[in-house]
Amino acid sequence: MSEWKKKSKENQKSAKLLIQNSNFSSSVHCAYYSNIQLMLHILLHDIKLSETEIEAESKQGALDEGGFHNWLKAAITRELFVRDFMLVRDFNNFFGQLKSLRIKADYKNLLILEQKAKNGLDLSRNITKLLEEKFTV
């Protein structure tokens, strides 16, 4: 198991604990990053990129795609399209909603309420489930 996968699992648990303790904005942040870390794990262990390749591709990809997270999502989407193109729409939908919620939680002067936080955790779990079905994690 890579450190990314361990971090991913830890962030999923943290998101749940943060909701239970009424720390809703922070829970969204953890839910989102659990998926980012899982996607990095997939690049390393399923797609078989080395850490050096991930580093190099991410630098150029971040420039080309408008940011590291956009590059990472695009890389996973391309591979998911090859494996099961019918799931690409769901993946993009779930990830887009969670990313939007994470931006509000981290960067906007808005209060994240419990239901939104729970929705963020559900979206993250849906993404995780989809990735686990189509990739070796």
C-alpha atoms as a PDB file:
ATOM      1  CA  MET A   1       0.000   0.000   0.000  1.00  0.00           C
ATOM      2  CA  SER A   2       1.370   3.416  -0.890  1.00  0.00           C
ATOM      3  CA  GLU A   3       1.477   6.330   1.491  1.00  0.00           C
ATOM      4  CA  TRP A   4      -1.060   8.031  -0.779  1.00  0.00           C
ATOM      5  CA  LYS A   5      -3.554   5.252  -0.175  1.00  0.00           C
ATOM      6  CA  LYS A   6      -2.953   5.428   3.576  1.00  0.00           C
ATOM      7  CA  LYS A   7      -3.491   9.186   3.493  1.00  0.00           C
ATOM      8  CA  SER A   8      -6.629   8.721   1.416  1.00  0.00           C
ATOM      9  CA  LYS A   9      -8.126   6.347   3.962  1.00  0.00           C
ATOM     10  CA  GLU A  10      -7.107   8.628   6.803  1.00  0.00           C
ATOM     11  CA  ASN A  11      -8.771  11.626   5.165  1.00  0.00           C
ATOM     12  CA  GLN A  12     -11.998   9.650   4.628  1.00  0.00           C
ATOM     13  CA  LYS A  13     -12.049   8.778   8.336  1.00  0.00           C
ATOM     14  CA  SER A  14     -11.181  12.344   9.274  1.00  0.00           C
ATOM     15  CA  ALA A  15     -14.022  13.748   7.166  1.00  0.00           C
ATOM     16  CA  LYS A  16     -16.494  11.536   9.025  1.00  0.00           C
ATOM     17  CA  LEU A  17     -15.073  12.483  12.433  1.00  0.00           C
ATOM     18  CA  LEU A  18     -15.089  16.172  11.546  1.00  0.00           C
ATOM     19  CA  ILE A  19     -18.784  15.982  10.619  1.00  0.00           C
ATOM     20  CA  GLN A  20     -19.524  14.226  13.907  1.00  0.00           C
ATOM     21  CA  ASN A  21     -17.768  17.103  15.674  1.00  0.00           C
ATOM     22  CA  SER A  22     -19.552  19.830  13.655  1.00  0.00           C
ATOM     23  CA  ASN A  23     -16.411  20.867  11.753  1.00  0.00           C
ATOM     24  CA  PHE A  24     -18.193  20.892   8.429  1.00  0.00           C
ATOM     25  CA  SER A  25     -15.879  22.973   6.225  1.00  0.00           C
ATOM     26  CA  SER A  26     -12.834  20.964   7.261  1.00  0.00           C
ATOM     27  CA  SER A  27     -14.692  17.725   6.572  1.00  0.00           C
ATOM     28  CA  VAL A  28     -15.266  18.763   2.963  1.00  0.00           C
ATOM     29  CA  HIS A  29     -11.575  19.533   2.586  1.00  0.00           C
ATOM     30  CA  CYS A  30     -10.627  16.061   3.886  1.00  0.00           C
ATOM     31  CA  ALA A  31     -13.239  14.284   1.761  1.00  0.00           C
ATOM     32  CA  TYR A  32     -11.924  15.998  -1.381  1.00  0.00           C
ATOM     33  CA  TYR A  33      -8.263  15.310  -0.658  1.00  0.00           C
ATOM     34  CA  SER A  34      -8.964  11.658   0.069  1.00  0.00           C
ATOM     35  CA  ASN A  35      -9.932  11.333  -3.604  1.00  0.00           C
ATOM     36  CA  ILE A  36      -6.928  13.317  -4.826  1.00  0.00           C
ATOM     37  CA  GLN A  37      -4.637  10.998  -2.878  1.00  0.00           C
ATOM     38  CA  LEU A  38      -6.440   7.882  -4.128  1.00  0.00           C
ATOM     39  CA  MET A  39      -6.017   9.048  -7.729  1.00  0.00           C
ATOM     40  CA  LEU A  40      -2.293   9.551  -7.154  1.00  0.00           C
ATOM     41  CA  HIS A  41      -2.128   6.039  -5.710  1.00  0.00           C
ATOM     42  CA  ILE A  42      -3.859   4.725  -8.856  1.00  0.00           C
ATOM     43  CA  LEU A  43      -1.309   6.436 -11.109  1.00  0.00           C
ATOM     44  CA  LEU A  44       1.464   4.769  -9.159  1.00  0.00           C
ATOM     45  CA  HIS A  45       0.053   1.276  -8.588  1.00  0.00           C
ATOM     46  CA  ASP A  46      -2.434   0.625 -11.368  1.00  0.00           C
ATOM     47  CA  ILE A  47      -1.282   2.770 -14.273  1.00  0.00           C
ATOM     48  CA  LYS A  48       2.318   2.066 -13.193  1.00  0.00           C
ATOM     49  CA  LEU A  49       3.803   5.532 -13.470  1.00  0.00           C
ATOM     50  CA  SER A  50       6.868   6.077 -11.352  1.00  0.00           C
ATOM     51  CA  GLU A  51       6.905   8.882  -8.816  1.00  0.00           C
ATOM     52  CA  THR A  52       9.396  10.669 -11.083  1.00  0.00           C
ATOM     53  CA  GLU A  53       7.012  10.337 -14.049  1.00  0.00           C
ATOM     54  CA  ILE A  54       4.075  11.555 -11.964  1.00  0.00           C
ATOM     55  CA  GLU A  55       6.128  14.541 -10.831  1.00  0.00           C
ATOM     56  CA  ALA A  56       7.203  15.439 -14.379  1.00  0.00           C
ATOM     57  CA  GLU A  57       3.813  14.847 -15.992  1.00  0.00           C
ATOM     58  CA  SER A  58       2.023  16.752 -13.264  1.00  0.00           C
ATOM     59  CA  LYS A  59       4.231  19.813 -13.696  1.00  0.00           C
ATOM     60  CA  GLN A  60       3.567  20.026 -17.419  1.00  0.00           C
ATOM     61  CA  GLY A  61      -0.021  18.876 -17.014  1.00  0.00           C
ATOM     62  CA  ALA A  62      -0.704  21.549 -14.427  1.00  0.00           C
ATOM     63  CA  LEU A  63       0.396  24.158 -16.963  1.00  0.00           C
ATOM     64  CA  ASP A  64      -1.590  22.584 -19.798  1.00  0.00           C
ATOM     65  CA  GLU A  65      -4.729  21.768 -17.797  1.00  0.00           C
ATOM     66  CA  GLY A  66      -4.898  24.838 -15.567  1.00  0.00           C
ATOM     67  CA  GLY A  67      -3.709  23.277 -12.336  1.00  0.00           C
ATOM     68  CA  PHE A  68      -2.499  20.099 -10.681  1.00  0.00           C
ATOM     69  CA  HIS A  69      -5.958  18.861  -9.709  1.00  0.00           C
ATOM     70  CA  ASN A  70      -7.291  19.467 -13.218  1.00  0.00           C
ATOM     71  CA  TRP A  71      -4.380  17.504 -14.672  1.00  0.00           C
ATOM     72  CA  LEU A  72      -4.905  14.642 -12.234  1.00  0.00           C
ATOM     73  CA  LYS A  73      -8.638  14.445 -12.923  1.00  0.00           C
ATOM     74  CA  ALA A  74      -7.975  14.529 -16.688  1.00  0.00           C
ATOM     75  CA  ALA A  75      -5.379  11.733 -16.421  1.00  0.00           C
ATOM     76  CA  ILE A  76      -7.775   9.507 -14.474  1.00  0.00           C
ATOM     77  CA  THR A  77     -10.674  10.395 -16.787  1.00  0.00           C
ATOM     78  CA  ARG A  78      -8.674   9.379 -19.871  1.00  0.00           C
ATOM     79  CA  GLU A  79      -7.852   6.000 -18.356  1.00  0.00           C
ATOM     80  CA  LEU A  80     -11.394   5.518 -17.071  1.00  0.00           C
ATOM     81  CA  PHE A  81     -12.719   6.225 -20.571  1.00  0.00           C
ATOM     82  CA  VAL A  82     -10.636   3.324 -21.907  1.00  0.00           C
ATOM     83  CA  ARG A  83     -11.800   0.969 -19.154  1.00  0.00           C
ATOM     84  CA  ASP A  84     -15.499   1.883 -18.956  1.00  0.00           C
ATOM     85  CA  PHE A  85     -16.538   5.014 -20.838  1.00  0.00           C
ATOM     86  CA  MET A  86     -20.051   4.780 -19.373  1.00  0.00           C
ATOM     87  CA  LEU A  87     -18.683   5.753 -15.953  1.00  0.00           C
ATOM     88  CA  VAL A  88     -16.895   8.881 -17.115  1.00  0.00           C
ATOM     89  CA  ARG A  89     -20.023  11.012 -16.812  1.00  0.00           C
ATOM     90  CA  ASP A  90     -20.648   9.891 -13.228  1.00  0.00           C
ATOM     91  CA  PHE A  91     -16.997  10.391 -12.273  1.00  0.00           C
ATOM     92  CA  ASN A  92     -16.927  13.899 -13.762  1.00  0.00           C
ATOM     93  CA  ASN A  93     -20.255  14.770 -12.146  1.00  0.00           C
ATOM     94  CA  PHE A  94     -19.300  13.545  -8.671  1.00  0.00           C
ATOM     95  CA  PHE A  95     -15.831  15.076  -8.821  1.00  0.00           C
ATOM     96  CA  GLY A  96     -17.110  18.403 -10.166  1.00  0.00           C
ATOM     97  CA  GLN A  97     -19.683  18.701  -7.391  1.00  0.00           C
ATOM     98  CA  LEU A  98     -17.152  17.811  -4.697  1.00  0.00           C
ATOM     99  CA  LYS A  99     -14.546  20.184  -6.105  1.00  0.00           C
ATOM    100  CA  SER A 100     -17.063  23.015  -6.192  1.00  0.00           C
ATOM    101  CA  LEU A 101     -18.061  22.315  -2.597  1.00  0.00           C
ATOM    102  CA  ARG A 102     -14.399  22.157  -1.547  1.00  0.00           C
ATOM    103  CA  ILE A 103     -13.738  25.555  -3.139  1.00  0.00           C
ATOM    104  CA  LYS A 104     -16.665  27.008  -1.176  1.00  0.00           C
ATOM    105  CA  ALA A 105     -15.480  25.338   2.033  1.00  0.00           C
ATOM    106  CA  ASP A 106     -11.848  26.436   1.670  1.00  0.00           C
ATOM    107  CA  TYR A 107     -11.949  29.783  -0.135  1.00  0.00           C
ATOM    108  CA  LYS A 108     -15.360  31.433   0.167  1.00  0.00           C
ATOM    109  CA  ASN A 109     -16.804  33.434   3.019  1.00  0.00           C
ATOM    110  CA  LEU A 110     -19.624  30.916   3.358  1.00  0.00           C
ATOM    111  CA  LEU A 111     -20.770  28.649   6.128  1.00  0.00           C
ATOM    112  CA  ILE A 112     -20.881  24.972   5.225  1.00  0.00           C
ATOM    113  CA  LEU A 113     -23.840  23.352   6.941  1.00  0.00           C
ATOM    114  CA  GLU A 114     -24.092  19.763   8.095  1.00  0.00           C
ATOM    115  CA  GLN A 115     -26.124  18.540   5.129  1.00  0.00           C
ATOM    116  CA  LYS A 116     -23.617  19.965   2.640  1.00  0.00           C
ATOM    117  CA  ALA A 117     -20.764  18.341   4.549  1.00  0.00           C
ATOM    118  CA  LYS A 118     -22.558  14.995   4.550  1.00  0.00           C
ATOM    119  CA  ASN A 119     -23.197  15.411   0.822  1.00  0.00           C
ATOM    120  CA  GLY A 120     -19.490  16.059   0.293  1.00  0.00           C
ATOM    121  CA  LEU A 121     -18.584  12.858   2.139  1.00  0.00           C
ATOM    122  CA  ASP A 122     -21.157  10.914   0.108  1.00  0.00           C
ATOM    123  CA  LEU A 123     -19.710  12.308  -3.138  1.00  0.00           C
ATOM    124  CA  SER A 124     -16.217  11.344  -2.019  1.00  0.00           C
ATOM    125  CA  ARG A 125     -17.354   7.839  -1.150  1.00  0.00           C
ATOM    126  CA  ASN A 126     -19.067   7.522  -4.551  1.00  0.00           C
ATOM    127  CA  ILE A 127     -15.848   8.556  -6.279  1.00  0.00           C
ATOM    128  CA  THR A 128     -13.844   6.096  -4.193  1.00  0.00           C
ATOM    129  CA  LYS A 129     -16.259   3.265  -4.974  1.00  0.00           C
ATOM    130  CA  LEU A 130     -16.154   4.021  -8.698  1.00  0.00           C
ATOM    131  CA  LEU A 131     -12.349   4.142  -8.706  1.00  0.00           C
ATOM    132  CA  GLU A 132     -12.075   0.934  -6.712  1.00  0.00           C
ATOM    133  CA  GLU A 133     -14.332  -0.855  -9.208  1.00  0.00           C
ATOM    134  CA  LYS A 134     -12.272   0.096 -12.257  1.00  0.00           C
ATOM    135  CA  PHE A 135      -8.721   0.367 -10.954  1.00  0.00           C
ATOM    136  CA  THR A 136      -6.480  -1.816  -8.841  1.00  0.00           C
ATOM    137  CA  VAL A 137      -6.238   0.005  -5.551  1.00  0.00           C
END
